[in-house]
Amino acid sequence: MNWGGIIEPFQAFFSTLIDFLPYILAVLVLLLLAWILSKVLRAGIRKLVRATGIDKRLGKGEDPQDPSQFPVAQGAGTVVFWIVWILFLLAILQVLGVEGLFDSIVVVFQKIFAAVPNIIAAVLVLGIFYLVGRLLAKLVTKALTSIHFDELPVKLGLVKEAPTGAGSASNVVGYIVMVFIMLFAIIMAADLLGFAAVNNLIAVLTQFLGLVLLGAVIIGIGILVANFLANILRAGGRAGPMVSFVRVSVVVLSVLLGIRAMGFANDLILLGFGLALGAAAIAAAIAFGLGGREVAGELLARWTKTGSSTGKTGDKTKK
């Protein structure tokens, strides 16, 4: 019986196993080190971030025993935990000699680490602009409140009572200021990260919102002027229909100008304005013609009599 042919496969298996034994031991040691180091660093980072009081500034951290009260600390610790594991897994792949997979993962992480400075810069830009935006929004809100800007909707005739709280006019302007500041921040952050498409999209959106804001200001000024003229006409004892006509005409004109400033269908708006003006002129002419026939007849009769009297006087003078 040929025992050599039976024993030879087992010898080859154990020989290969013995050859791989140092690699297996190295992998086990690296896994143990990764587990210990990741746990220690995660706990240390969480304690360090808690000590800075960032979560308390965000309105959290009331219960020290509740981890959910420390989202920033928990998140920072988790990020460090997985970074340690990723680095050790790369080392394990290199020990095992998996060159192709190792090289691909290294290339990916090289790109990620190369983008880290830009990512940090973008986050800093967003954070700084957010703080500046909140400060400016509060200053604008306080300044507008001090000059009774919240009463503007009442003066425009939009509401009977001025809104209070978050819906007040001064707070709305503060929110608008905050939105525009953050849009500029997003443009800068996208530029740092190389997101040209996002940069162009936000730039177009900012331009559009600026035009909409300009149109809203024009409409608001038009309504103020319409109310002002209406009050003057009422004080002068003018009839109600005339006051309403003037007020509506000014409001319609301001709305058309505001929509045109927003860039919506300029040709159609100009055409509509021309048609409305022509219709108003035709209506005024028809109203004058129908309602002023008697007056026009009297004027024509007077002019005729005056002409006849003048002709007779001239004939007598010649004689």
Protein backbone atom coordinates (compact mmCIF):
# COMPACT_ATOMS: atom_id res chain seq x y z
CA MET A 1 0.00 0.00 0.00
CA ASN A 2 1.38 3.39 -1.00
CA TRP A 3 1.22 5.40 2.26
CA GLY A 4 3.28 8.20 0.72
CA GLY A 5 0.48 9.13 -1.69
CA ILE A 6 -2.01 9.34 1.21
CA ILE A 7 0.21 11.30 3.62
CA GLU A 8 1.56 13.76 1.04
CA PRO A 9 -1.64 15.97 0.82
CA PHE A 10 -1.78 16.23 4.62
CA GLN A 11 1.87 17.18 4.72
CA ALA A 12 1.29 19.89 2.14
CA PHE A 13 -1.74 21.22 4.09
CA PHE A 14 0.09 21.40 7.40
CA SER A 15 3.13 22.88 5.70
CA THR A 16 0.98 25.64 4.20
CA LEU A 17 -0.78 26.13 7.57
CA ILE A 18 2.54 26.47 9.33
CA ASP A 19 3.69 28.96 6.71
CA PHE A 20 0.52 31.04 7.27
CA LEU A 21 0.64 30.73 11.05
CA PRO A 22 2.78 33.89 11.55
CA TYR A 23 0.38 35.88 9.37
CA ILE A 24 -2.63 34.56 11.28
CA LEU A 25 -1.00 35.45 14.60
CA ALA A 26 -0.12 38.92 13.27
CA VAL A 27 -3.72 39.44 12.14
CA LEU A 28 -5.06 38.34 15.54
CA VAL A 29 -2.64 40.69 17.31
CA LEU A 30 -3.65 43.58 15.04
CA LEU A 31 -7.35 42.87 15.63
CA LEU A 32 -6.78 42.84 19.39
CA LEU A 33 -4.82 46.10 19.21
CA ALA A 34 -7.48 47.69 17.00
CA TRP A 35 -10.22 46.69 19.44
CA ILE A 36 -8.36 48.00 22.50
CA LEU A 37 -7.12 51.21 20.88
CA SER A 38 -10.46 52.07 19.27
CA LYS A 39 -12.32 51.57 22.56
CA VAL A 40 -9.81 53.65 24.53
CA LEU A 41 -9.69 56.48 21.99
CA ARG A 42 -13.48 56.56 21.65
CA ALA A 43 -13.95 56.91 25.39
CA GLY A 44 -11.18 59.53 25.62
CA ILE A 45 -12.55 61.63 22.75
CA ARG A 46 -16.06 61.54 24.18
CA LYS A 47 -14.84 62.73 27.58
CA LEU A 48 -12.72 65.44 25.97
CA VAL A 49 -15.59 66.75 23.84
CA ARG A 50 -17.94 66.65 26.82
CA ALA A 51 -15.44 68.73 28.80
CA THR A 52 -15.58 71.46 26.13
CA GLY A 53 -19.31 71.97 26.80
CA ILE A 54 -20.30 72.02 23.12
CA ASP A 55 -23.42 69.92 23.74
CA LYS A 56 -24.57 72.21 26.56
CA ARG A 57 -24.29 75.21 24.24
CA LEU A 58 -26.61 73.37 21.85
CA GLY A 59 -29.17 72.96 24.63
CA LYS A 60 -28.18 69.38 25.43
CA GLY A 61 -26.20 67.71 28.19
CA GLU A 62 -28.78 68.06 30.94
CA ASP A 63 -28.54 64.41 32.04
CA PRO A 64 -24.89 63.20 32.29
CA GLN A 65 -26.07 59.57 32.39
CA ASP A 66 -27.96 59.82 29.10
CA PRO A 67 -25.63 59.44 26.07
CA SER A 68 -28.29 60.89 23.76
CA GLN A 69 -27.84 64.22 25.57
CA PHE A 70 -24.31 64.45 24.14
CA PRO A 71 -24.72 64.00 20.35
CA VAL A 72 -21.53 65.85 19.42
CA ALA A 73 -19.38 63.92 21.90
CA GLN A 74 -20.94 60.59 20.91
CA GLY A 75 -20.51 61.33 17.22
CA ALA A 76 -16.87 62.39 17.58
CA GLY A 77 -16.06 59.25 19.54
CA THR A 78 -17.76 57.04 16.97
CA VAL A 79 -15.87 58.68 14.11
CA VAL A 80 -12.52 58.10 15.85
CA PHE A 81 -13.52 54.49 16.62
CA TRP A 82 -14.12 53.67 12.95
CA ILE A 83 -11.07 55.56 11.73
CA VAL A 84 -8.90 53.36 13.97
CA TRP A 85 -10.56 50.22 12.65
CA ILE A 86 -10.13 51.31 9.04
CA LEU A 87 -6.42 51.98 9.53
CA PHE A 88 -5.89 48.58 11.20
CA LEU A 89 -7.87 46.80 8.48
CA LEU A 90 -5.57 48.36 5.89
CA ALA A 91 -2.60 47.08 7.88
CA ILE A 92 -4.18 43.60 8.07
CA LEU A 93 -4.71 43.54 4.30
CA GLN A 94 -1.07 44.44 3.78
CA VAL A 95 0.04 41.70 6.18
CA LEU A 96 -2.08 39.13 4.34
CA GLY A 97 -0.54 40.22 1.05
CA VAL A 98 -3.81 41.12 -0.67
CA GLU A 99 -2.04 43.68 -2.85
CA GLY A 100 -4.77 44.42 -5.41
CA LEU A 101 -7.51 45.08 -2.89
CA PHE A 102 -5.10 46.93 -0.62
CA ASP A 103 -3.93 49.24 -3.41
CA SER A 104 -7.50 50.06 -4.44
CA ILE A 105 -8.54 50.90 -0.88
CA VAL A 106 -5.39 52.98 -0.37
CA VAL A 107 -6.17 55.03 -3.50
CA VAL A 108 -9.70 55.69 -2.24
CA PHE A 109 -8.47 56.79 1.18
CA GLN A 110 -5.77 58.94 -0.38
CA LYS A 111 -8.47 60.85 -2.25
CA ILE A 112 -10.56 61.12 0.93
CA PHE A 113 -7.63 62.37 3.02
CA ALA A 114 -6.64 64.79 0.25
CA ALA A 115 -10.14 66.26 0.40
CA VAL A 116 -10.20 66.49 4.21
CA PRO A 117 -8.59 69.99 4.37
CA ASN A 118 -11.15 71.34 1.89
CA ILE A 119 -13.97 69.64 3.79
CA ILE A 120 -12.79 71.16 7.06
CA ALA A 121 -12.46 74.58 5.40
CA ALA A 122 -16.00 74.27 3.97
CA VAL A 123 -17.40 73.30 7.38
CA LEU A 124 -15.60 76.25 8.98
CA VAL A 125 -16.97 78.63 6.33
CA LEU A 126 -20.51 77.36 6.93
CA GLY A 127 -20.09 77.60 10.69
CA ILE A 128 -18.64 81.13 10.61
CA PHE A 129 -21.28 82.40 8.20
CA TYR A 130 -23.99 80.78 10.30
CA LEU A 131 -22.81 82.59 13.43
CA VAL A 132 -22.43 85.88 11.54
CA GLY A 133 -25.85 85.40 9.93
CA ARG A 134 -27.55 84.80 13.27
CA LEU A 135 -25.88 87.90 14.73
CA LEU A 136 -26.86 90.10 11.78
CA ALA A 137 -30.40 88.69 11.73
CA LYS A 138 -30.83 89.58 15.41
CA LEU A 139 -29.42 93.07 14.89
CA VAL A 140 -31.69 93.69 11.88
CA THR A 141 -34.72 92.36 13.77
CA LYS A 142 -34.04 94.58 16.78
CA ALA A 143 -33.42 97.65 14.60
CA LEU A 144 -36.64 97.14 12.63
CA THR A 145 -38.63 96.47 15.79
CA SER A 146 -37.38 99.74 17.31
CA ILE A 147 -38.76 101.74 14.35
CA HIS A 148 -42.15 99.92 14.51
CA PHE A 149 -41.56 98.02 11.28
CA ASP A 150 -43.93 95.29 12.50
CA GLU A 151 -46.85 97.65 11.81
CA LEU A 152 -46.08 97.69 8.07
CA PRO A 153 -48.59 94.92 7.15
CA VAL A 154 -51.32 96.94 8.85
CA LYS A 155 -50.35 100.09 6.94
CA LEU A 156 -50.38 98.11 3.70
CA GLY A 157 -53.88 96.95 4.49
CA LEU A 158 -52.86 93.27 4.42
CA VAL A 159 -53.94 92.50 8.00
CA LYS A 160 -55.96 94.24 10.67
CA GLU A 161 -53.53 93.45 13.52
CA ALA A 162 -49.76 93.29 13.32
CA PRO A 163 -48.42 89.70 13.64
CA THR A 164 -46.23 88.98 16.64
CA GLY A 165 -43.51 86.47 17.38
CA ALA A 166 -41.85 84.56 14.56
CA GLY A 167 -44.39 85.81 12.02
CA SER A 168 -43.74 89.51 12.63
CA ALA A 169 -42.40 91.62 9.77
CA SER A 170 -39.08 92.31 11.50
CA ASN A 171 -38.49 88.60 12.15
CA VAL A 172 -39.33 87.77 8.54
CA VAL A 173 -36.73 90.29 7.33
CA GLY A 174 -34.24 88.76 9.77
CA TYR A 175 -34.91 85.30 8.32
CA ILE A 176 -34.42 86.66 4.80
CA VAL A 177 -31.06 88.14 5.81
CA MET A 178 -30.08 84.80 7.31
CA VAL A 179 -31.10 82.91 4.16
CA PHE A 180 -29.05 85.15 1.84
CA ILE A 181 -25.98 84.93 4.10
CA MET A 182 -26.19 81.13 4.18
CA LEU A 183 -26.63 81.01 0.39
CA PHE A 184 -23.37 82.94 0.00
CA ALA A 185 -21.77 80.54 2.50
CA ILE A 186 -22.95 77.52 0.48
CA ILE A 187 -21.51 79.09 -2.69
CA MET A 188 -18.11 79.50 -1.00
CA ALA A 189 -18.22 75.99 0.49
CA ALA A 190 -19.15 74.45 -2.87
CA ASP A 191 -16.29 76.35 -4.50
CA LEU A 192 -13.84 74.97 -1.91
CA LEU A 193 -15.07 71.42 -2.51
CA GLY A 194 -14.97 71.83 -6.28
CA PHE A 195 -18.71 71.35 -6.77
CA ALA A 196 -19.10 73.63 -9.80
CA ALA A 197 -22.66 72.47 -10.53
CA VAL A 198 -23.83 73.21 -6.99
CA ASN A 199 -22.02 76.55 -7.08
CA ASN A 200 -23.76 77.59 -10.30
CA LEU A 201 -27.15 76.36 -9.07
CA ILE A 202 -26.95 78.31 -5.79
CA ALA A 203 -25.71 81.41 -7.67
CA VAL A 204 -28.72 81.28 -10.00
CA LEU A 205 -31.05 80.67 -7.05
CA THR A 206 -29.57 83.65 -5.17
CA GLN A 207 -30.01 85.91 -8.19
CA PHE A 208 -33.60 84.74 -8.62
CA LEU A 209 -34.44 85.32 -4.94
CA GLY A 210 -32.88 88.79 -5.18
CA LEU A 211 -35.16 89.66 -8.10
CA VAL A 212 -38.18 88.29 -6.25
CA LEU A 213 -37.27 90.38 -3.22
CA LEU A 214 -36.88 93.48 -5.41
CA GLY A 215 -40.29 92.85 -6.98
CA ALA A 216 -41.88 92.42 -3.55
CA VAL A 217 -40.36 95.74 -2.40
CA ILE A 218 -41.74 97.50 -5.50
CA ILE A 219 -45.20 96.06 -4.89
CA GLY A 220 -45.05 97.07 -1.22
CA ILE A 221 -44.04 100.64 -2.10
CA GLY A 222 -46.84 100.77 -4.67
CA ILE A 223 -49.41 99.71 -2.07
CA LEU A 224 -48.11 102.36 0.33
CA VAL A 225 -48.39 105.04 -2.37
CA ALA A 226 -51.89 103.82 -3.29
CA ASN A 227 -53.05 104.07 0.33
CA PHE A 228 -51.41 107.49 0.69
CA LEU A 229 -53.17 108.85 -2.41
CA ALA A 230 -56.46 107.32 -1.32
CA ASN A 231 -56.22 109.04 2.07
CA ILE A 232 -55.47 112.38 0.41
CA LEU A 233 -58.47 112.02 -1.91
CA ARG A 234 -60.76 111.08 0.98
CA ALA A 235 -59.54 114.09 2.96
CA GLY A 236 -60.34 116.27 -0.05
CA GLY A 237 -63.92 115.02 -0.11
CA ARG A 238 -63.64 113.03 -3.32
CA ALA A 239 -66.23 110.39 -4.16
CA GLY A 240 -65.68 106.79 -3.07
CA PRO A 241 -65.62 105.29 -6.59
CA MET A 242 -62.92 107.74 -7.67
CA VAL A 243 -60.81 106.93 -4.59
CA SER A 244 -61.18 103.19 -5.23
CA PHE A 245 -60.32 103.62 -8.92
CA VAL A 246 -57.11 105.55 -8.13
CA ARG A 247 -56.09 103.10 -5.42
CA VAL A 248 -56.71 100.01 -7.56
CA SER A 249 -54.95 101.60 -10.54
CA VAL A 250 -51.80 102.34 -8.52
CA VAL A 251 -51.81 98.86 -6.95
CA VAL A 252 -52.22 97.17 -10.35
CA LEU A 253 -49.43 99.30 -11.80
CA SER A 254 -47.10 98.45 -8.90
CA VAL A 255 -47.91 94.74 -9.21
CA LEU A 256 -47.11 94.80 -12.93
CA LEU A 257 -43.86 96.66 -12.31
CA GLY A 258 -42.98 94.24 -9.49
CA ILE A 259 -43.63 91.18 -11.64
CA ARG A 260 -41.61 92.72 -14.44
CA ALA A 261 -38.73 93.34 -12.00
CA MET A 262 -38.86 89.65 -11.09
CA GLY A 263 -38.28 88.83 -14.76
CA PHE A 264 -41.56 87.01 -15.37
CA ALA A 265 -42.80 87.33 -18.97
CA ASN A 266 -41.82 90.94 -19.62
CA ASP A 267 -43.50 91.11 -23.04
CA LEU A 268 -46.78 89.70 -21.77
CA ILE A 269 -46.81 92.11 -18.83
CA LEU A 270 -46.16 95.12 -21.08
CA LEU A 271 -48.89 93.94 -23.45
CA GLY A 272 -51.33 93.44 -20.58
CA PHE A 273 -50.49 96.86 -19.15
CA GLY A 274 -51.04 98.48 -22.55
CA LEU A 275 -54.37 96.69 -23.00
CA ALA A 276 -55.49 97.65 -19.50
CA LEU A 277 -54.53 101.29 -20.07
CA GLY A 278 -56.29 101.35 -23.45
CA ALA A 279 -59.39 99.73 -21.98
CA ALA A 280 -59.44 102.30 -19.17
CA ALA A 281 -59.14 105.15 -21.69
CA ILE A 282 -61.92 103.73 -23.87
CA ALA A 283 -64.14 103.19 -20.81
CA ALA A 284 -63.51 106.77 -19.66
CA ALA A 285 -64.35 108.08 -23.14
CA ILE A 286 -67.54 106.04 -23.35
CA ALA A 287 -68.57 107.07 -19.84
CA PHE A 288 -67.96 110.70 -20.67
CA GLY A 289 -69.82 110.40 -23.94
CA LEU A 290 -72.87 108.69 -22.43
CA GLY A 291 -72.96 110.60 -19.18
CA GLY A 292 -71.99 113.99 -20.59
CA ARG A 293 -74.35 114.26 -23.56
CA GLU A 294 -76.52 116.90 -21.90
CA VAL A 295 -73.52 118.91 -20.76
CA ALA A 296 -71.98 118.67 -24.21
CA GLY A 297 -75.32 119.78 -25.79
CA GLU A 298 -75.52 122.79 -23.51
CA LEU A 299 -71.91 123.75 -24.28
CA LEU A 300 -72.55 123.36 -28.02
CA ALA A 301 -75.71 125.49 -27.77
CA ARG A 302 -73.84 128.20 -25.90
CA TRP A 303 -71.04 128.22 -28.45
CA THR A 304 -73.62 128.41 -31.27
CA LYS A 305 -75.50 131.31 -29.66
CA THR A 306 -72.24 133.11 -28.96
CA GLY A 307 -71.19 132.70 -32.61
CA SER A 308 -74.56 133.95 -33.87
CA SER A 309 -74.50 136.99 -31.55
CA THR A 310 -71.01 137.86 -32.68
CA GLY A 311 -72.04 137.63 -36.35
CA LYS A 312 -75.07 139.92 -35.88
CA THR A 313 -72.99 142.50 -33.96
CA GLY A 314 -70.44 142.59 -36.75
CA ASP A 315 -73.12 143.20 -39.40
CA LYS A 316 -74.61 146.10 -37.45
CA THR A 317 -71.20 147.67 -37.08
CA LYS A 318 -70.60 147.53 -40.83
CA LYS A 319 -73.94 149.23 -41.50
